[in-house]
Amino acid sequence: MEDLAEKINSVLSDPESVKQLGEIAQMLGFSPENMPSGDEPQQPAPDVGALMELAGKLKNASAEDDNIRFLNALRPLLSEEKQPRLDKAVRLLKIINLLPIIRDSGILGGDLLGVL
């Protein structure tokens, strides 16, 4: 998960990438209501500050919590066949830890497409 946050930070630090993100957002209909005319320079649709804040939160959420530490402590007690299942459980817990951040960010419409 740290790799994802690093990649997001690298994309957001590059002005050309931010411009491309803005163009993609406009194509998807996420542009502001008052679009500038063709003579004015277009501003990217995503709020860079909000995206940077979200990237920071994602990086913090990828840190291990007590549940993940507990599962990793059980690893030596598990057989070789069951250790991949433990890895899947840890990945699932990390995803679950990201859900409140994604929901609060409003990226998916605020209610995670009706799931939460």
N, C-alpha and C. Protein backbone atom coordinates (compact mmCIF):
# COMPACT_ATOMS: atom_id res chain seq x y z
N MET A 1 0.81 -1.19 0.00
CA MET A 1 0.00 0.00 0.00
C MET A 1 0.86 1.26 0.00
N GLU A 2 2.08 1.17 0.58
CA GLU A 2 2.96 2.32 0.56
C GLU A 2 3.36 2.66 -0.87
N ASP A 3 3.51 1.63 -1.71
CA ASP A 3 3.86 1.87 -3.11
C ASP A 3 2.77 2.68 -3.80
N LEU A 4 1.51 2.39 -3.49
CA LEU A 4 0.40 3.12 -4.09
C LEU A 4 0.46 4.59 -3.71
N ALA A 5 0.70 4.87 -2.43
CA ALA A 5 0.77 6.25 -1.98
C ALA A 5 1.95 6.97 -2.62
N GLU A 6 3.08 6.28 -2.76
CA GLU A 6 4.24 6.88 -3.41
C GLU A 6 3.96 7.18 -4.87
N LYS A 7 3.27 6.27 -5.54
CA LYS A 7 2.94 6.49 -6.95
C LYS A 7 1.98 7.67 -7.10
N ILE A 8 1.00 7.75 -6.21
CA ILE A 8 0.05 8.87 -6.26
C ILE A 8 0.79 10.19 -6.04
N ASN A 9 1.69 10.20 -5.05
CA ASN A 9 2.46 11.42 -4.80
C ASN A 9 3.31 11.81 -6.00
N SER A 10 3.93 10.82 -6.66
CA SER A 10 4.77 11.14 -7.82
C SER A 10 3.93 11.68 -8.98
N VAL A 11 2.73 11.12 -9.16
CA VAL A 11 1.86 11.61 -10.23
C VAL A 11 1.39 13.03 -9.92
N LEU A 12 1.03 13.28 -8.65
CA LEU A 12 0.52 14.60 -8.29
C LEU A 12 1.60 15.67 -8.26
N SER A 13 2.86 15.27 -8.15
CA SER A 13 3.93 16.27 -8.14
C SER A 13 4.34 16.68 -9.56
N ASP A 14 3.89 15.94 -10.56
CA ASP A 14 4.22 16.25 -11.95
C ASP A 14 3.08 17.07 -12.56
N PRO A 15 3.34 18.34 -12.95
CA PRO A 15 2.27 19.19 -13.50
C PRO A 15 1.62 18.60 -14.75
N GLU A 16 2.38 17.94 -15.59
CA GLU A 16 1.82 17.34 -16.80
C GLU A 16 0.83 16.23 -16.45
N SER A 17 1.18 15.43 -15.44
CA SER A 17 0.28 14.35 -15.02
C SER A 17 -1.01 14.92 -14.44
N VAL A 18 -0.89 16.00 -13.66
CA VAL A 18 -2.08 16.63 -13.07
C VAL A 18 -2.97 17.17 -14.18
N LYS A 19 -2.34 17.74 -15.21
CA LYS A 19 -3.12 18.25 -16.35
C LYS A 19 -3.86 17.11 -17.04
N GLN A 20 -3.19 15.97 -17.22
CA GLN A 20 -3.83 14.82 -17.86
C GLN A 20 -4.97 14.28 -16.99
N LEU A 21 -4.77 14.27 -15.67
CA LEU A 21 -5.85 13.84 -14.78
C LEU A 21 -7.06 14.75 -14.91
N GLY A 22 -6.79 16.05 -15.03
CA GLY A 22 -7.89 17.00 -15.21
C GLY A 22 -8.65 16.76 -16.49
N GLU A 23 -7.91 16.47 -17.57
CA GLU A 23 -8.56 16.20 -18.85
C GLU A 23 -9.39 14.92 -18.78
N ILE A 24 -8.86 13.91 -18.12
CA ILE A 24 -9.62 12.66 -17.97
C ILE A 24 -10.87 12.89 -17.15
N ALA A 25 -10.74 13.67 -16.07
CA ALA A 25 -11.91 13.96 -15.24
C ALA A 25 -12.97 14.72 -16.02
N GLN A 26 -12.55 15.64 -16.87
CA GLN A 26 -13.51 16.39 -17.68
C GLN A 26 -14.21 15.47 -18.67
N MET A 27 -13.47 14.53 -19.26
CA MET A 27 -14.09 13.58 -20.19
C MET A 27 -15.12 12.70 -19.49
N LEU A 28 -14.87 12.41 -18.21
CA LEU A 28 -15.79 11.56 -17.46
C LEU A 28 -16.94 12.34 -16.84
N GLY A 29 -16.93 13.66 -17.03
CA GLY A 29 -18.05 14.46 -16.53
C GLY A 29 -17.83 15.00 -15.13
N PHE A 30 -16.60 14.97 -14.62
CA PHE A 30 -16.32 15.47 -13.29
C PHE A 30 -15.78 16.89 -13.31
N SER A 31 -16.07 17.62 -14.37
CA SER A 31 -15.56 18.98 -14.49
C SER A 31 -16.46 19.94 -13.72
N PRO A 32 -15.92 21.11 -13.34
CA PRO A 32 -16.74 22.10 -12.66
C PRO A 32 -17.87 22.58 -13.56
N GLU A 33 -18.94 23.08 -12.93
CA GLU A 33 -20.10 23.53 -13.71
C GLU A 33 -19.79 24.74 -14.58
N ASN A 34 -19.00 25.65 -14.06
CA ASN A 34 -18.68 26.84 -14.85
C ASN A 34 -17.34 26.61 -15.56
N MET A 35 -17.42 26.00 -16.71
CA MET A 35 -16.23 25.69 -17.50
C MET A 35 -15.70 26.97 -18.13
N PRO A 36 -14.38 27.13 -18.19
CA PRO A 36 -13.83 28.31 -18.85
C PRO A 36 -14.03 28.22 -20.35
N SER A 37 -14.02 29.40 -21.00
CA SER A 37 -14.17 29.40 -22.45
C SER A 37 -12.89 28.91 -23.09
N GLY A 38 -12.89 28.73 -24.41
CA GLY A 38 -11.74 28.20 -25.11
C GLY A 38 -10.54 29.13 -25.08
N ASP A 39 -10.75 30.45 -24.85
CA ASP A 39 -9.65 31.41 -24.83
C ASP A 39 -8.86 31.35 -23.52
N GLU A 40 -9.54 31.00 -22.42
CA GLU A 40 -8.89 30.98 -21.12
C GLU A 40 -8.17 29.64 -20.93
N PRO A 41 -7.05 29.64 -20.21
CA PRO A 41 -6.39 28.37 -19.93
C PRO A 41 -7.26 27.53 -19.00
N GLN A 42 -7.37 26.26 -19.32
CA GLN A 42 -8.22 25.38 -18.52
C GLN A 42 -7.46 24.90 -17.29
N GLN A 43 -8.15 24.92 -16.16
CA GLN A 43 -7.60 24.41 -14.92
C GLN A 43 -8.00 22.95 -14.79
N PRO A 44 -7.13 22.10 -14.22
CA PRO A 44 -7.49 20.71 -14.04
C PRO A 44 -8.67 20.59 -13.07
N ALA A 45 -9.56 19.65 -13.35
CA ALA A 45 -10.77 19.47 -12.55
C ALA A 45 -10.47 18.97 -11.14
N PRO A 46 -9.52 18.05 -10.93
CA PRO A 46 -9.32 17.57 -9.56
C PRO A 46 -8.64 18.62 -8.70
N ASP A 47 -9.04 18.68 -7.46
CA ASP A 47 -8.42 19.58 -6.48
C ASP A 47 -7.13 18.93 -6.01
N VAL A 48 -6.00 19.51 -6.38
CA VAL A 48 -4.69 18.91 -6.10
C VAL A 48 -4.47 18.80 -4.60
N GLY A 49 -4.87 19.81 -3.86
CA GLY A 49 -4.70 19.77 -2.41
C GLY A 49 -5.46 18.61 -1.79
N ALA A 50 -6.69 18.41 -2.26
CA ALA A 50 -7.50 17.31 -1.74
C ALA A 50 -6.89 15.97 -2.11
N LEU A 51 -6.35 15.88 -3.33
CA LEU A 51 -5.72 14.62 -3.73
C LEU A 51 -4.46 14.34 -2.92
N MET A 52 -3.68 15.38 -2.61
CA MET A 52 -2.49 15.20 -1.79
C MET A 52 -2.87 14.77 -0.37
N GLU A 53 -3.92 15.36 0.15
CA GLU A 53 -4.41 14.97 1.48
C GLU A 53 -4.87 13.52 1.47
N LEU A 54 -5.58 13.14 0.42
CA LEU A 54 -6.04 11.76 0.29
C LEU A 54 -4.86 10.80 0.19
N ALA A 55 -3.83 11.19 -0.55
CA ALA A 55 -2.64 10.34 -0.68
C ALA A 55 -1.97 10.15 0.68
N GLY A 56 -1.91 11.21 1.47
CA GLY A 56 -1.33 11.10 2.80
C GLY A 56 -2.13 10.17 3.70
N LYS A 57 -3.46 10.29 3.61
CA LYS A 57 -4.32 9.42 4.41
C LYS A 57 -4.17 7.97 3.98
N LEU A 58 -4.06 7.74 2.67
CA LEU A 58 -3.89 6.37 2.18
C LEU A 58 -2.57 5.78 2.67
N LYS A 59 -1.54 6.60 2.71
CA LYS A 59 -0.25 6.12 3.20
C LYS A 59 -0.34 5.75 4.67
N ASN A 60 -1.02 6.59 5.46
CA ASN A 60 -1.18 6.30 6.88
C ASN A 60 -2.05 5.07 7.11
N ALA A 61 -3.04 4.86 6.27
CA ALA A 61 -3.94 3.72 6.45
C ALA A 61 -3.25 2.41 6.11
N SER A 62 -2.17 2.48 5.33
CA SER A 62 -1.49 1.25 4.96
C SER A 62 -0.60 0.72 6.08
N ALA A 63 -0.46 1.50 7.15
CA ALA A 63 0.34 1.03 8.28
C ALA A 63 -0.38 -0.13 8.97
N GLU A 64 0.41 -0.97 9.60
CA GLU A 64 -0.18 -2.14 10.26
C GLU A 64 -0.96 -1.71 11.49
N ASP A 65 -2.11 -2.35 11.69
CA ASP A 65 -2.87 -2.14 12.90
C ASP A 65 -2.73 -3.39 13.77
N ASP A 66 -3.43 -3.43 14.90
CA ASP A 66 -3.31 -4.56 15.82
C ASP A 66 -3.75 -5.88 15.19
N ASN A 67 -4.79 -5.84 14.36
CA ASN A 67 -5.27 -7.07 13.74
C ASN A 67 -4.24 -7.66 12.77
N ILE A 68 -3.61 -6.80 12.01
CA ILE A 68 -2.61 -7.27 11.06
C ILE A 68 -1.38 -7.79 11.80
N ARG A 69 -0.98 -7.09 12.85
CA ARG A 69 0.16 -7.58 13.65
C ARG A 69 -0.16 -8.93 14.27
N PHE A 70 -1.39 -9.11 14.72
CA PHE A 70 -1.79 -10.40 15.30
C PHE A 70 -1.70 -11.52 14.27
N LEU A 71 -2.23 -11.28 13.08
CA LEU A 71 -2.17 -12.31 12.04
C LEU A 71 -0.73 -12.62 11.65
N ASN A 72 0.10 -11.60 11.55
CA ASN A 72 1.50 -11.85 11.22
C ASN A 72 2.22 -12.61 12.33
N ALA A 73 1.80 -12.40 13.57
CA ALA A 73 2.40 -13.15 14.68
C ALA A 73 2.02 -14.63 14.63
N LEU A 74 0.89 -14.93 14.01
CA LEU A 74 0.46 -16.33 13.88
C LEU A 74 1.18 -17.07 12.77
N ARG A 75 1.84 -16.36 11.88
CA ARG A 75 2.47 -16.96 10.71
C ARG A 75 3.36 -18.16 11.04
N PRO A 76 4.25 -18.08 12.05
CA PRO A 76 5.12 -19.24 12.32
C PRO A 76 4.35 -20.48 12.78
N LEU A 77 3.16 -20.28 13.27
CA LEU A 77 2.37 -21.40 13.75
C LEU A 77 1.56 -22.09 12.66
N LEU A 78 1.50 -21.48 11.49
CA LEU A 78 0.71 -22.02 10.39
C LEU A 78 1.57 -22.88 9.47
N SER A 79 0.91 -23.84 8.85
CA SER A 79 1.62 -24.67 7.87
C SER A 79 1.87 -23.87 6.60
N GLU A 80 2.75 -24.40 5.76
CA GLU A 80 3.09 -23.74 4.49
C GLU A 80 1.86 -23.54 3.62
N GLU A 81 0.92 -24.48 3.67
CA GLU A 81 -0.27 -24.39 2.82
C GLU A 81 -1.21 -23.27 3.27
N LYS A 82 -1.21 -22.95 4.57
CA LYS A 82 -2.16 -21.96 5.09
C LYS A 82 -1.58 -20.54 5.11
N GLN A 83 -0.29 -20.40 4.94
CA GLN A 83 0.30 -19.07 4.98
C GLN A 83 -0.18 -18.16 3.84
N PRO A 84 -0.41 -18.68 2.63
CA PRO A 84 -0.99 -17.80 1.59
C PRO A 84 -2.38 -17.27 1.97
N ARG A 85 -3.14 -18.05 2.70
CA ARG A 85 -4.46 -17.59 3.15
C ARG A 85 -4.30 -16.44 4.14
N LEU A 86 -3.27 -16.52 4.98
CA LEU A 86 -2.99 -15.45 5.91
C LEU A 86 -2.62 -14.17 5.15
N ASP A 87 -1.83 -14.32 4.10
CA ASP A 87 -1.46 -13.15 3.28
C ASP A 87 -2.70 -12.50 2.68
N LYS A 88 -3.64 -13.31 2.20
CA LYS A 88 -4.88 -12.77 1.63
C LYS A 88 -5.69 -12.05 2.70
N ALA A 89 -5.72 -12.61 3.91
CA ALA A 89 -6.47 -11.98 5.00
C ALA A 89 -5.85 -10.63 5.36
N VAL A 90 -4.53 -10.55 5.36
CA VAL A 90 -3.85 -9.28 5.67
C VAL A 90 -4.17 -8.26 4.60
N ARG A 91 -4.13 -8.65 3.33
CA ARG A 91 -4.46 -7.72 2.24
C ARG A 91 -5.91 -7.25 2.36
N LEU A 92 -6.80 -8.16 2.72
CA LEU A 92 -8.21 -7.79 2.88
C LEU A 92 -8.38 -6.79 4.03
N LEU A 93 -7.68 -7.00 5.14
CA LEU A 93 -7.76 -6.05 6.25
C LEU A 93 -7.24 -4.68 5.84
N LYS A 94 -6.19 -4.64 5.04
CA LYS A 94 -5.68 -3.34 4.58
C LYS A 94 -6.70 -2.63 3.70
N ILE A 95 -7.39 -3.39 2.87
CA ILE A 95 -8.44 -2.80 2.02
C ILE A 95 -9.58 -2.29 2.87
N ILE A 96 -9.97 -3.08 3.87
CA ILE A 96 -11.05 -2.67 4.76
C ILE A 96 -10.67 -1.39 5.50
N ASN A 97 -9.39 -1.25 5.87
CA ASN A 97 -8.94 -0.03 6.54
C ASN A 97 -9.02 1.18 5.62
N LEU A 98 -8.97 0.97 4.31
CA LEU A 98 -9.05 2.08 3.35
C LEU A 98 -10.48 2.53 3.09
N LEU A 99 -11.46 1.68 3.33
CA LEU A 99 -12.84 2.01 2.97
C LEU A 99 -13.36 3.31 3.60
N PRO A 100 -13.15 3.55 4.90
CA PRO A 100 -13.66 4.82 5.45
C PRO A 100 -13.01 6.04 4.81
N ILE A 101 -11.74 5.94 4.46
CA ILE A 101 -11.05 7.06 3.83
C ILE A 101 -11.63 7.33 2.45
N ILE A 102 -11.85 6.27 1.69
CA ILE A 102 -12.43 6.42 0.35
C ILE A 102 -13.85 6.95 0.44
N ARG A 103 -14.63 6.44 1.39
CA ARG A 103 -16.01 6.90 1.56
C ARG A 103 -16.05 8.38 1.90
N ASP A 104 -15.21 8.81 2.85
CA ASP A 104 -15.20 10.21 3.27
C ASP A 104 -14.68 11.15 2.19
N SER A 105 -13.84 10.63 1.31
CA SER A 105 -13.28 11.47 0.24
C SER A 105 -14.33 11.82 -0.80
N GLY A 106 -15.36 10.99 -0.95
CA GLY A 106 -16.41 11.24 -1.93
C GLY A 106 -16.05 10.79 -3.33
N ILE A 107 -14.96 10.07 -3.48
CA ILE A 107 -14.52 9.62 -4.80
C ILE A 107 -15.60 8.77 -5.48
N LEU A 108 -16.24 7.92 -4.72
CA LEU A 108 -17.23 7.00 -5.29
C LEU A 108 -18.66 7.44 -5.00
N GLY A 109 -18.87 8.72 -4.89
CA GLY A 109 -20.23 9.22 -4.69
C GLY A 109 -20.60 9.36 -3.24
N GLY A 110 -19.68 9.19 -2.32
CA GLY A 110 -19.95 9.41 -0.90
C GLY A 110 -20.48 8.22 -0.15
N ASP A 111 -21.10 7.26 -0.83
CA ASP A 111 -21.64 6.11 -0.11
C ASP A 111 -21.08 4.80 -0.64
N LEU A 112 -19.93 4.85 -1.29
CA LEU A 112 -19.29 3.66 -1.88
C LEU A 112 -20.27 2.88 -2.75
N LEU A 113 -20.93 3.62 -3.62
CA LEU A 113 -21.86 3.04 -4.60
C LEU A 113 -22.97 2.24 -3.94
N GLY A 114 -23.43 2.72 -2.77
CA GLY A 114 -24.54 2.08 -2.07
C GLY A 114 -24.15 0.94 -1.16
N VAL A 115 -22.85 0.62 -1.07
CA VAL A 115 -22.42 -0.48 -0.22
C VAL A 115 -22.41 -0.05 1.23
N LEU A 116 -21.91 1.17 1.52
CA LEU A 116 -21.84 1.68 2.90
C LEU A 116 -22.67 2.93 3.04
